[in-house]
Amino acid sequence: MSFGKLKKAYGKVTINPNWCKGCGFCVEYCPTDALEMSTAYNAKGYHPPRVKNADECRDCKFCEKVCPEFAIFVTTDQR
């Protein structure tokens, strides 16, 4: 029985900068270092995160689980 090659999982991160309060949990706890804090400000005066390297996201959804403001979510990217 052959299962073939395993494919890497990829995710697409979507951030709602207006909901973000700049806590940085998503950046700090991202296991693949795909996110970083932006230098831009949102409407509330906080620095929201941004995707630093989209190819590093592995669809673990940990960033959305640790976000207290529900400002970030990940969808599966079929490549």
PDB file of N, CA and C in Angstrom:
ATOM      1  N   MET A   1       0.851  -1.174   0.000  1.00  0.00           N
ATOM      2  CA  MET A   1       0.000   0.000   0.000  1.00  0.00           C
ATOM      3  C   MET A   1       0.892   1.231   0.000  1.00  0.00           C
ATOM      4  N   SER A   2       0.724   2.085  -0.983  1.00  0.00           N
ATOM      5  CA  SER A   2       1.551   3.276  -1.121  1.00  0.00           C
ATOM      6  C   SER A   2       0.709   4.526  -0.937  1.00  0.00           C
ATOM      7  N   PHE A   3       1.209   5.417  -0.098  1.00  0.00           N
ATOM      8  CA  PHE A   3       0.479   6.643   0.155  1.00  0.00           C
ATOM      9  C   PHE A   3       1.037   7.818  -0.640  1.00  0.00           C
ATOM     10  N   GLY A   4       2.121   7.632  -1.324  1.00  0.00           N
ATOM     11  CA  GLY A   4       2.714   8.711  -2.106  1.00  0.00           C
ATOM     12  C   GLY A   4       3.472   9.686  -1.229  1.00  0.00           C
ATOM     13  N   LYS A   5       3.821  10.791  -1.832  1.00  0.00           N
ATOM     14  CA  LYS A   5       4.584  11.804  -1.116  1.00  0.00           C
ATOM     15  C   LYS A   5       3.645  12.679  -0.271  1.00  0.00           C
ATOM     16  N   LEU A   6       4.127  13.042   0.889  1.00  0.00           N
ATOM     17  CA  LEU A   6       3.376  13.968   1.723  1.00  0.00           C
ATOM     18  C   LEU A   6       3.598  15.385   1.224  1.00  0.00           C
ATOM     19  N   LYS A   7       2.541  16.176   1.213  1.00  0.00           N
ATOM     20  CA  LYS A   7       2.640  17.561   0.793  1.00  0.00           C
ATOM     21  C   LYS A   7       2.723  18.459   2.022  1.00  0.00           C
ATOM     22  N   LYS A   8       3.438  19.547   1.896  1.00  0.00           N
ATOM     23  CA  LYS A   8       3.471  20.544   2.959  1.00  0.00           C
ATOM     24  C   LYS A   8       2.128  21.249   3.003  1.00  0.00           C
ATOM     25  N   ALA A   9       1.698  21.568   4.202  1.00  0.00           N
ATOM     26  CA  ALA A   9       0.474  22.346   4.357  1.00  0.00           C
ATOM     27  C   ALA A   9       0.825  23.826   4.273  1.00  0.00           C
ATOM     28  N   TYR A  10       0.000  24.579   3.597  1.00  0.00           N
ATOM     29  CA  TYR A  10       0.187  26.019   3.487  1.00  0.00           C
ATOM     30  C   TYR A  10      -1.094  26.725   3.915  1.00  0.00           C
ATOM     31  N   GLY A  11      -0.927  27.890   4.486  1.00  0.00           N
ATOM     32  CA  GLY A  11      -2.073  28.682   4.891  1.00  0.00           C
ATOM     33  C   GLY A  11      -1.979  30.089   4.349  1.00  0.00           C
ATOM     34  N   LYS A  12      -3.119  30.743   4.284  1.00  0.00           N
ATOM     35  CA  LYS A  12      -3.180  32.146   3.874  1.00  0.00           C
ATOM     36  C   LYS A  12      -3.687  32.937   5.075  1.00  0.00           C
ATOM     37  N   VAL A  13      -2.849  33.830   5.582  1.00  0.00           N
ATOM     38  CA  VAL A  13      -3.178  34.618   6.770  1.00  0.00           C
ATOM     39  C   VAL A  13      -3.922  35.874   6.357  1.00  0.00           C
ATOM     40  N   THR A  14      -5.051  36.122   7.026  1.00  0.00           N
ATOM     41  CA  THR A  14      -5.813  37.343   6.820  1.00  0.00           C
ATOM     42  C   THR A  14      -5.886  38.076   8.145  1.00  0.00           C
ATOM     43  N   ILE A  15      -5.534  39.351   8.125  1.00  0.00           N
ATOM     44  CA  ILE A  15      -5.496  40.171   9.334  1.00  0.00           C
ATOM     45  C   ILE A  15      -6.456  41.332   9.176  1.00  0.00           C
ATOM     46  N   ASN A  16      -7.295  41.536  10.190  1.00  0.00           N
ATOM     47  CA  ASN A  16      -8.154  42.719  10.225  1.00  0.00           C
ATOM     48  C   ASN A  16      -7.445  43.746  11.108  1.00  0.00           C
ATOM     49  N   PRO A  17      -6.705  44.687  10.513  1.00  0.00           N
ATOM     50  CA  PRO A  17      -5.902  45.611  11.314  1.00  0.00           C
ATOM     51  C   PRO A  17      -6.738  46.514  12.222  1.00  0.00           C
ATOM     52  N   ASN A  18      -7.983  46.737  11.880  1.00  0.00           N
ATOM     53  CA  ASN A  18      -8.826  47.612  12.703  1.00  0.00           C
ATOM     54  C   ASN A  18      -9.256  46.963  14.011  1.00  0.00           C
ATOM     55  N   TRP A  19      -9.244  45.642  14.077  1.00  0.00           N
ATOM     56  CA  TRP A  19      -9.603  44.949  15.323  1.00  0.00           C
ATOM     57  C   TRP A  19      -8.393  44.737  16.222  1.00  0.00           C
ATOM     58  N   CYS A  20      -7.201  44.806  15.640  1.00  0.00           N
ATOM     59  CA  CYS A  20      -5.975  44.490  16.355  1.00  0.00           C
ATOM     60  C   CYS A  20      -5.627  45.553  17.399  1.00  0.00           C
ATOM     61  N   LYS A  21      -5.150  45.092  18.557  1.00  0.00           N
ATOM     62  CA  LYS A  21      -4.684  45.998  19.607  1.00  0.00           C
ATOM     63  C   LYS A  21      -3.186  45.882  19.834  1.00  0.00           C
ATOM     64  N   GLY A  22      -2.485  45.271  18.882  1.00  0.00           N
ATOM     65  CA  GLY A  22      -1.030  45.257  18.889  1.00  0.00           C
ATOM     66  C   GLY A  22      -0.374  44.460  19.998  1.00  0.00           C
ATOM     67  N   CYS A  23      -1.019  43.424  20.505  1.00  0.00           N
ATOM     68  CA  CYS A  23      -0.443  42.644  21.607  1.00  0.00           C
ATOM     69  C   CYS A  23       0.790  41.854  21.172  1.00  0.00           C
ATOM     70  N   GLY A  24       0.839  41.452  19.903  1.00  0.00           N
ATOM     71  CA  GLY A  24       1.995  40.726  19.385  1.00  0.00           C
ATOM     72  C   GLY A  24       2.008  39.243  19.671  1.00  0.00           C
ATOM     73  N   PHE A  25       0.936  38.697  20.269  1.00  0.00           N
ATOM     74  CA  PHE A  25       0.898  37.261  20.569  1.00  0.00           C
ATOM     75  C   PHE A  25       1.069  36.428  19.302  1.00  0.00           C
ATOM     76  N   CYS A  26       0.410  36.829  18.222  1.00  0.00           N
ATOM     77  CA  CYS A  26       0.482  36.061  16.978  1.00  0.00           C
ATOM     78  C   CYS A  26       1.911  35.999  16.451  1.00  0.00           C
ATOM     79  N   VAL A  27       2.623  37.108  16.544  1.00  0.00           N
ATOM     80  CA  VAL A  27       4.005  37.157  16.076  1.00  0.00           C
ATOM     81  C   VAL A  27       4.910  36.342  16.993  1.00  0.00           C
ATOM     82  N   GLU A  28       4.738  36.514  18.285  1.00  0.00           N
ATOM     83  CA  GLU A  28       5.597  35.846  19.260  1.00  0.00           C
ATOM     84  C   GLU A  28       5.456  34.329  19.225  1.00  0.00           C
ATOM     85  N   TYR A  29       4.246  33.834  19.018  1.00  0.00           N
ATOM     86  CA  TYR A  29       4.004  32.400  19.105  1.00  0.00           C
ATOM     87  C   TYR A  29       3.900  31.689  17.760  1.00  0.00           C
ATOM     88  N   CYS A  30       4.114  32.381  16.662  1.00  0.00           N
ATOM     89  CA  CYS A  30       4.091  31.733  15.344  1.00  0.00           C
ATOM     90  C   CYS A  30       5.273  30.770  15.252  1.00  0.00           C
ATOM     91  N   PRO A  31       5.018  29.479  15.077  1.00  0.00           N
ATOM     92  CA  PRO A  31       6.120  28.508  15.065  1.00  0.00           C
ATOM     93  C   PRO A  31       7.030  28.598  13.834  1.00  0.00           C
ATOM     94  N   THR A  32       6.574  29.255  12.767  1.00  0.00           N
ATOM     95  CA  THR A  32       7.394  29.338  11.559  1.00  0.00           C
ATOM     96  C   THR A  32       7.905  30.749  11.284  1.00  0.00           C
ATOM     97  N   ASP A  33       7.631  31.685  12.176  1.00  0.00           N
ATOM     98  CA  ASP A  33       8.111  33.066  12.033  1.00  0.00           C
ATOM     99  C   ASP A  33       7.605  33.711  10.748  1.00  0.00           C
ATOM    100  N   ALA A  34       6.344  33.473  10.413  1.00  0.00           N
ATOM    101  CA  ALA A  34       5.754  34.013   9.194  1.00  0.00           C
ATOM    102  C   ALA A  34       5.226  35.431   9.369  1.00  0.00           C
ATOM    103  N   LEU A  35       5.083  35.886  10.616  1.00  0.00           N
ATOM    104  CA  LEU A  35       4.512  37.201  10.889  1.00  0.00           C
ATOM    105  C   LEU A  35       5.528  38.125  11.542  1.00  0.00           C
ATOM    106  N   GLU A  36       5.273  39.414  11.418  1.00  0.00           N
ATOM    107  CA  GLU A  36       6.041  40.422  12.130  1.00  0.00           C
ATOM    108  C   GLU A  36       5.130  41.609  12.424  1.00  0.00           C
ATOM    109  N   MET A  37       5.523  42.435  13.370  1.00  0.00           N
ATOM    110  CA  MET A  37       4.740  43.617  13.682  1.00  0.00           C
ATOM    111  C   MET A  37       5.007  44.668  12.613  1.00  0.00           C
ATOM    112  N   SER A  38       3.957  45.326  12.184  1.00  0.00           N
ATOM    113  CA  SER A  38       4.057  46.362  11.169  1.00  0.00           C
ATOM    114  C   SER A  38       4.543  47.662  11.799  1.00  0.00           C
ATOM    115  N   THR A  39       5.113  48.519  10.999  1.00  0.00           N
ATOM    116  CA  THR A  39       5.488  49.852  11.480  1.00  0.00           C
ATOM    117  C   THR A  39       4.342  50.833  11.292  1.00  0.00           C
ATOM    118  N   ALA A  40       3.321  50.419  10.539  1.00  0.00           N
ATOM    119  CA  ALA A  40       2.147  51.267  10.305  1.00  0.00           C
ATOM    120  C   ALA A  40       1.224  51.226  11.517  1.00  0.00           C
ATOM    121  N   TYR A  41       0.410  52.247  11.653  1.00  0.00           N
ATOM    122  CA  TYR A  41      -0.575  52.331  12.733  1.00  0.00           C
ATOM    123  C   TYR A  41      -1.963  52.027  12.192  1.00  0.00           C
ATOM    124  N   ASN A  42      -2.807  51.424  13.030  1.00  0.00           N
ATOM    125  CA  ASN A  42      -4.207  51.262  12.654  1.00  0.00           C
ATOM    126  C   ASN A  42      -4.993  52.471  13.179  1.00  0.00           C
ATOM    127  N   ALA A  43      -6.301  52.464  13.025  1.00  0.00           N
ATOM    128  CA  ALA A  43      -7.133  53.603  13.426  1.00  0.00           C
ATOM    129  C   ALA A  43      -7.091  53.861  14.932  1.00  0.00           C
ATOM    130  N   LYS A  44      -6.773  52.833  15.715  1.00  0.00           N
ATOM    131  CA  LYS A  44      -6.711  52.978  17.173  1.00  0.00           C
ATOM    132  C   LYS A  44      -5.318  53.380  17.666  1.00  0.00           C
ATOM    133  N   GLY A  45      -4.345  53.446  16.759  1.00  0.00           N
ATOM    134  CA  GLY A  45      -2.988  53.827  17.132  1.00  0.00           C
ATOM    135  C   GLY A  45      -2.078  52.671  17.492  1.00  0.00           C
ATOM    136  N   TYR A  46      -2.478  51.463  17.178  1.00  0.00           N
ATOM    137  CA  TYR A  46      -1.670  50.274  17.459  1.00  0.00           C
ATOM    138  C   TYR A  46      -0.939  49.826  16.198  1.00  0.00           C
ATOM    139  N   HIS A  47       0.131  49.084  16.395  1.00  0.00           N
ATOM    140  CA  HIS A  47       0.851  48.466  15.283  1.00  0.00           C
ATOM    141  C   HIS A  47       0.311  47.050  15.088  1.00  0.00           C
ATOM    142  N   PRO A  48      -0.457  46.799  14.037  1.00  0.00           N
ATOM    143  CA  PRO A  48      -0.940  45.437  13.792  1.00  0.00           C
ATOM    144  C   PRO A  48       0.164  44.584  13.172  1.00  0.00           C
ATOM    145  N   PRO A  49       0.004  43.273  13.196  1.00  0.00           N
ATOM    146  CA  PRO A  49       0.991  42.413  12.541  1.00  0.00           C
ATOM    147  C   PRO A  49       0.826  42.463  11.028  1.00  0.00           C
ATOM    148  N   ARG A  50       1.826  41.958  10.356  1.00  0.00           N
ATOM    149  CA  ARG A  50       1.748  41.787   8.905  1.00  0.00           C
ATOM    150  C   ARG A  50       2.434  40.475   8.567  1.00  0.00           C
ATOM    151  N   VAL A  51       2.111  39.966   7.398  1.00  0.00           N
ATOM    152  CA  VAL A  51       2.733  38.715   6.953  1.00  0.00           C
ATOM    153  C   VAL A  51       4.124  39.040   6.430  1.00  0.00           C
ATOM    154  N   LYS A  52       5.128  38.457   7.050  1.00  0.00           N
ATOM    155  CA  LYS A  52       6.514  38.686   6.656  1.00  0.00           C
ATOM    156  C   LYS A  52       6.904  37.742   5.523  1.00  0.00           C
ATOM    157  N   ASN A  53       6.485  36.488   5.634  1.00  0.00           N
ATOM    158  CA  ASN A  53       6.833  35.496   4.628  1.00  0.00           C
ATOM    159  C   ASN A  53       5.666  34.526   4.481  1.00  0.00           C
ATOM    160  N   ALA A  54       4.836  34.753   3.486  1.00  0.00           N
ATOM    161  CA  ALA A  54       3.628  33.942   3.289  1.00  0.00           C
ATOM    162  C   ALA A  54       3.945  32.468   3.043  1.00  0.00           C
ATOM    163  N   ASP A  55       5.069  32.181   2.448  1.00  0.00           N
ATOM    164  CA  ASP A  55       5.438  30.789   2.154  1.00  0.00           C
ATOM    165  C   ASP A  55       5.781  29.995   3.401  1.00  0.00           C
ATOM    166  N   GLU A  56       6.018  30.660   4.518  1.00  0.00           N
ATOM    167  CA  GLU A  56       6.349  29.971   5.764  1.00  0.00           C
ATOM    168  C   GLU A  56       5.114  29.526   6.552  1.00  0.00           C
ATOM    169  N   CYS A  57       3.951  30.060   6.244  1.00  0.00           N
ATOM    170  CA  CYS A  57       2.729  29.688   6.976  1.00  0.00           C
ATOM    171  C   CYS A  57       2.373  28.239   6.666  1.00  0.00           C
ATOM    172  N   ARG A  58       2.184  27.440   7.710  1.00  0.00           N
ATOM    173  CA  ARG A  58       1.881  26.017   7.569  1.00  0.00           C
ATOM    174  C   ARG A  58       0.463  25.667   8.000  1.00  0.00           C
ATOM    175  N   ASP A  59      -0.416  26.658   8.037  1.00  0.00           N
ATOM    176  CA  ASP A  59      -1.839  26.426   8.298  1.00  0.00           C
ATOM    177  C   ASP A  59      -2.088  25.808   9.672  1.00  0.00           C
ATOM    178  N   CYS A  60      -1.264  26.139  10.651  1.00  0.00           N
ATOM    179  CA  CYS A  60      -1.469  25.575  11.991  1.00  0.00           C
ATOM    180  C   CYS A  60      -2.578  26.307  12.750  1.00  0.00           C
ATOM    181  N   LYS A  61      -2.893  27.534  12.305  1.00  0.00           N
ATOM    182  CA  LYS A  61      -3.957  28.354  12.890  1.00  0.00           C
ATOM    183  C   LYS A  61      -3.682  28.765  14.341  1.00  0.00           C
ATOM    184  N   PHE A  62      -2.427  28.624  14.769  1.00  0.00           N
ATOM    185  CA  PHE A  62      -2.114  28.990  16.145  1.00  0.00           C
ATOM    186  C   PHE A  62      -2.274  30.483  16.367  1.00  0.00           C
ATOM    187  N   CYS A  63      -1.941  31.302  15.371  1.00  0.00           N
ATOM    188  CA  CYS A  63      -2.073  32.751  15.509  1.00  0.00           C
ATOM    189  C   CYS A  63      -3.524  33.152  15.777  1.00  0.00           C
ATOM    190  N   GLU A  64      -4.465  32.513  15.090  1.00  0.00           N
ATOM    191  CA  GLU A  64      -5.867  32.875  15.318  1.00  0.00           C
ATOM    192  C   GLU A  64      -6.373  32.376  16.664  1.00  0.00           C
ATOM    193  N   LYS A  65      -5.782  31.302  17.165  1.00  0.00           N
ATOM    194  CA  LYS A  65      -6.195  30.786  18.470  1.00  0.00           C
ATOM    195  C   LYS A  65      -5.708  31.661  19.617  1.00  0.00           C
ATOM    196  N   VAL A  66      -4.535  32.299  19.465  1.00  0.00           N
ATOM    197  CA  VAL A  66      -4.000  33.117  20.549  1.00  0.00           C
ATOM    198  C   VAL A  66      -4.420  34.581  20.468  1.00  0.00           C
ATOM    199  N   CYS A  67      -5.076  34.992  19.399  1.00  0.00           N
ATOM    200  CA  CYS A  67      -5.486  36.392  19.235  1.00  0.00           C
ATOM    201  C   CYS A  67      -6.697  36.703  20.114  1.00  0.00           C
ATOM    202  N   PRO A  68      -6.528  37.577  21.123  1.00  0.00           N
ATOM    203  CA  PRO A  68      -7.647  37.896  22.005  1.00  0.00           C
ATOM    204  C   PRO A  68      -8.723  38.760  21.341  1.00  0.00           C
ATOM    205  N   GLU A  69      -8.399  39.376  20.224  1.00  0.00           N
ATOM    206  CA  GLU A  69      -9.348  40.261  19.532  1.00  0.00           C
ATOM    207  C   GLU A  69      -9.981  39.619  18.300  1.00  0.00           C
ATOM    208  N   PHE A  70      -9.630  38.367  18.002  1.00  0.00           N
ATOM    209  CA  PHE A  70     -10.131  37.654  16.816  1.00  0.00           C
ATOM    210  C   PHE A  70      -9.857  38.443  15.535  1.00  0.00           C
ATOM    211  N   ALA A  71      -8.683  39.076  15.488  1.00  0.00           N
ATOM    212  CA  ALA A  71      -8.326  39.943  14.370  1.00  0.00           C
ATOM    213  C   ALA A  71      -7.537  39.228  13.272  1.00  0.00           C
ATOM    214  N   ILE A  72      -7.286  37.951  13.444  1.00  0.00           N
ATOM    215  CA  ILE A  72      -6.474  37.217  12.475  1.00  0.00           C
ATOM    216  C   ILE A  72      -7.082  35.829  12.254  1.00  0.00           C
ATOM    217  N   PHE A  73      -7.095  35.399  10.998  1.00  0.00           N
ATOM    218  CA  PHE A  73      -7.530  34.032  10.735  1.00  0.00           C
ATOM    219  C   PHE A  73      -6.762  33.470   9.547  1.00  0.00           C
ATOM    220  N   VAL A  74      -6.735  32.157   9.489  1.00  0.00           N
ATOM    221  CA  VAL A  74      -5.954  31.456   8.465  1.00  0.00           C
ATOM    222  C   VAL A  74      -6.887  30.527   7.690  1.00  0.00           C
ATOM    223  N   THR A  75      -6.735  30.540   6.378  1.00  0.00           N
ATOM    224  CA  THR A  75      -7.466  29.611   5.525  1.00  0.00           C
ATOM    225  C   THR A  75      -6.447  28.705   4.835  1.00  0.00           C
ATOM    226  N   THR A  76      -6.870  27.516   4.497  1.00  0.00           N
ATOM    227  CA  THR A  76      -5.987  26.572   3.825  1.00  0.00           C
ATOM    228  C   THR A  76      -5.721  27.035   2.403  1.00  0.00           C
ATOM    229  N   ASP A  77      -4.448  27.056   2.039  1.00  0.00           N
ATOM    230  CA  ASP A  77      -4.027  27.472   0.703  1.00  0.00           C
ATOM    231  C   ASP A  77      -3.681  26.206  -0.080  1.00  0.00           C
ATOM    232  N   GLN A  78      -4.474  25.891  -1.085  1.00  0.00           N
ATOM    233  CA  GLN A  78      -4.249  24.709  -1.912  1.00  0.00           C
ATOM    234  C   GLN A  78      -3.215  25.039  -2.982  1.00  0.00           C
ATOM    235  N   ARG A  79      -2.025  24.502  -2.856  1.00  0.00           N
ATOM    236  CA  ARG A  79      -0.992  24.750  -3.863  1.00  0.00           C
ATOM    237  C   ARG A  79      -0.712  23.499  -4.637  1.00  0.00           C
TER     238      ARG A  79
END
